[in-house]
Amino acid sequence: MSEQFSPEISLRICNHMNEDHADAVLLYAQAFGAVSEATSARMLSIDAQGMDLSVQVNGGATPVRIQFDHVLVDAEDAHQTLIAMVRQARVKE
C-alpha cells in the first residue's frame, strides 16, 4: 500500500522542483505530457499516481496531468522516479 502524499510533502517536492529543477519540469511536460511546444512549466502538485503541471503554451497556461509508471510508495520513491524520468526524457530529445 502506498503512503499518501500529504499536502506538505507535495508542496516541498513542488517547491524544490520549481526552484532548483525548472528545466526538468519543462522536460516532463514536453516528453511525458506530450506538449512539445511548451516554453515553461511549473509543478503544482504530486501524489502517488502522478503529477499536475501548469504548462505555458503560446502565452497561455494549460493544465497537464502526468501519470507515473507505478504507484509511488513514499517521497524517496518520488525522488528516484523523477530522476529516472529526466534521464528518460533526455534520451528522447
C-alpha atoms as a PDB file:
ATOM      1  CA  MET A   1       0.000   0.000   0.000  1.00  0.00           C
ATOM      2  CA  SER A   2       1.373   3.427  -0.872  1.00  0.00           C
ATOM      3  CA  GLU A   3       1.840   6.211   1.617  1.00  0.00           C
ATOM      4  CA  GLN A   4      -0.485   9.096   0.850  1.00  0.00           C
ATOM      5  CA  PHE A   5       1.359  12.249  -0.069  1.00  0.00           C
ATOM      6  CA  SER A   6       0.413  14.913   2.434  1.00  0.00           C
ATOM      7  CA  PRO A   7      -0.078  18.481   1.208  1.00  0.00           C
ATOM      8  CA  GLU A   8       3.189  19.349   2.995  1.00  0.00           C
ATOM      9  CA  ILE A   9       5.181  16.676   1.154  1.00  0.00           C
ATOM     10  CA  SER A  10       3.635  17.666  -2.173  1.00  0.00           C
ATOM     11  CA  LEU A  11       4.420  21.338  -1.532  1.00  0.00           C
ATOM     12  CA  ARG A  12       8.021  20.580  -0.508  1.00  0.00           C
ATOM     13  CA  ILE A  13       8.661  18.499  -3.634  1.00  0.00           C
ATOM     14  CA  CYS A  14       6.968  21.040  -5.920  1.00  0.00           C
ATOM     15  CA  ASN A  15       8.866  23.990  -4.437  1.00  0.00           C
ATOM     16  CA  HIS A  16      12.172  22.147  -4.805  1.00  0.00           C
ATOM     17  CA  MET A  17      11.458  21.123  -8.400  1.00  0.00           C
ATOM     18  CA  ASN A  18      10.230  24.584  -9.438  1.00  0.00           C
ATOM     19  CA  GLU A  19      13.084  26.457  -7.745  1.00  0.00           C
ATOM     20  CA  ASP A  20      16.002  24.121  -8.474  1.00  0.00           C
ATOM     21  CA  HIS A  21      14.940  21.983 -11.431  1.00  0.00           C
ATOM     22  CA  ALA A  22      12.659  24.089 -13.657  1.00  0.00           C
ATOM     23  CA  ASP A  23      14.377  22.610 -16.713  1.00  0.00           C
ATOM     24  CA  ALA A  24      13.375  19.108 -15.573  1.00  0.00           C
ATOM     25  CA  VAL A  25       9.742  20.155 -15.045  1.00  0.00           C
ATOM     26  CA  LEU A  26       9.680  21.524 -18.597  1.00  0.00           C
ATOM     27  CA  LEU A  27      11.132  18.237 -19.863  1.00  0.00           C
ATOM     28  CA  TYR A  28       8.347  16.313 -18.079  1.00  0.00           C
ATOM     29  CA  ALA A  29       5.747  18.443 -19.856  1.00  0.00           C
ATOM     30  CA  GLN A  30       7.394  18.031 -23.237  1.00  0.00           C
ATOM     31  CA  ALA A  31       8.287  14.329 -23.047  1.00  0.00           C
ATOM     32  CA  PHE A  32       5.553  12.826 -20.874  1.00  0.00           C
ATOM     33  CA  GLY A  33       2.767  15.375 -21.202  1.00  0.00           C
ATOM     34  CA  ALA A  34       3.034  15.455 -24.997  1.00  0.00           C
ATOM     35  CA  VAL A  35       3.284  19.245 -25.005  1.00  0.00           C
ATOM     36  CA  SER A  36       6.376  19.617 -27.181  1.00  0.00           C
ATOM     37  CA  GLU A  37       5.665  23.317 -27.807  1.00  0.00           C
ATOM     38  CA  ALA A  38       5.767  24.145 -24.059  1.00  0.00           C
ATOM     39  CA  THR A  39       8.045  27.047 -23.185  1.00  0.00           C
ATOM     40  CA  SER A  40       7.925  26.661 -19.387  1.00  0.00           C
ATOM     41  CA  ALA A  41       6.189  24.562 -16.766  1.00  0.00           C
ATOM     42  CA  ARG A  42       5.530  24.560 -13.022  1.00  0.00           C
ATOM     43  CA  MET A  43       4.774  21.553 -10.868  1.00  0.00           C
ATOM     44  CA  LEU A  44       1.555  22.269  -8.982  1.00  0.00           C
ATOM     45  CA  SER A  45       1.163  19.012  -7.048  1.00  0.00           C
ATOM     46  CA  ILE A  46       2.409  15.450  -6.830  1.00  0.00           C
ATOM     47  CA  ASP A  47       0.725  12.354  -5.452  1.00  0.00           C
ATOM     48  CA  ALA A  48       1.355   8.619  -5.547  1.00  0.00           C
ATOM     49  CA  GLN A  49      -0.184   8.264  -9.019  1.00  0.00           C
ATOM     50  CA  GLY A  50       1.191  11.297 -10.855  1.00  0.00           C
ATOM     51  CA  MET A  51       1.924  14.999 -11.020  1.00  0.00           C
ATOM     52  CA  ASP A  52      -0.040  18.054 -12.075  1.00  0.00           C
ATOM     53  CA  LEU A  53       1.711  20.768 -14.045  1.00  0.00           C
ATOM     54  CA  SER A  54       0.814  24.199 -15.340  1.00  0.00           C
ATOM     55  CA  VAL A  55       2.413  24.465 -18.778  1.00  0.00           C
ATOM     56  CA  GLN A  56       2.933  27.644 -20.786  1.00  0.00           C
ATOM     57  CA  VAL A  57       1.989  27.198 -24.447  1.00  0.00           C
ATOM     58  CA  ASN A  58       1.603  30.113 -26.848  1.00  0.00           C
ATOM     59  CA  GLY A  59       1.393  32.581 -23.961  1.00  0.00           C
ATOM     60  CA  GLY A  60      -1.352  30.698 -22.092  1.00  0.00           C
ATOM     61  CA  ALA A  61      -1.337  28.268 -19.195  1.00  0.00           C
ATOM     62  CA  THR A  62      -2.511  24.705 -19.838  1.00  0.00           C
ATOM     63  CA  PRO A  63      -3.047  22.112 -17.101  1.00  0.00           C
ATOM     64  CA  VAL A  64      -1.256  18.809 -17.702  1.00  0.00           C
ATOM     65  CA  ARG A  65      -1.545  15.586 -15.688  1.00  0.00           C
ATOM     66  CA  ILE A  66       1.300  13.082 -15.991  1.00  0.00           C
ATOM     67  CA  GLN A  67       0.735   9.589 -14.630  1.00  0.00           C
ATOM     68  CA  PHE A  68       3.681   7.673 -13.179  1.00  0.00           C
ATOM     69  CA  ASP A  69       4.513   4.193 -14.469  1.00  0.00           C
ATOM     70  CA  HIS A  70       3.898   2.801 -10.979  1.00  0.00           C
ATOM     71  CA  VAL A  71       2.273   3.905  -7.725  1.00  0.00           C
ATOM     72  CA  LEU A  72       4.852   5.713  -5.622  1.00  0.00           C
ATOM     73  CA  VAL A  73       5.378   4.332  -2.133  1.00  0.00           C
ATOM     74  CA  ASP A  74       6.949   7.394  -0.483  1.00  0.00           C
ATOM     75  CA  ALA A  75       8.855  10.639  -1.042  1.00  0.00           C
ATOM     76  CA  GLU A  76      12.124   8.770  -1.719  1.00  0.00           C
ATOM     77  CA  ASP A  77      10.390   6.756  -4.440  1.00  0.00           C
ATOM     78  CA  ALA A  78       9.161  10.074  -5.877  1.00  0.00           C
ATOM     79  CA  HIS A  79      12.719  11.410  -5.861  1.00  0.00           C
ATOM     80  CA  GLN A  80      14.119   8.360  -7.665  1.00  0.00           C
ATOM     81  CA  THR A  81      11.220   8.259 -10.139  1.00  0.00           C
ATOM     82  CA  LEU A  82      11.585  11.943 -11.043  1.00  0.00           C
ATOM     83  CA  ILE A  83      15.326  11.442 -11.649  1.00  0.00           C
ATOM     84  CA  ALA A  84      14.645   8.410 -13.857  1.00  0.00           C
ATOM     85  CA  MET A  85      12.037  10.365 -15.807  1.00  0.00           C
ATOM     86  CA  VAL A  86      14.501  13.202 -16.522  1.00  0.00           C
ATOM     87  CA  ARG A  87      17.039  10.692 -17.800  1.00  0.00           C
ATOM     88  CA  GLN A  88      14.400   9.057 -19.987  1.00  0.00           C
ATOM     89  CA  ALA A  89      13.217  12.428 -21.327  1.00  0.00           C
ATOM     90  CA  ARG A  90      16.768  13.457 -22.217  1.00  0.00           C
ATOM     91  CA  VAL A  91      17.207  10.265 -24.248  1.00  0.00           C
ATOM     92  CA  LYS A  92      14.034  11.168 -26.202  1.00  0.00           C
ATOM     93  CA  GLU A  93      15.441  14.597 -27.167  1.00  0.00           C
END
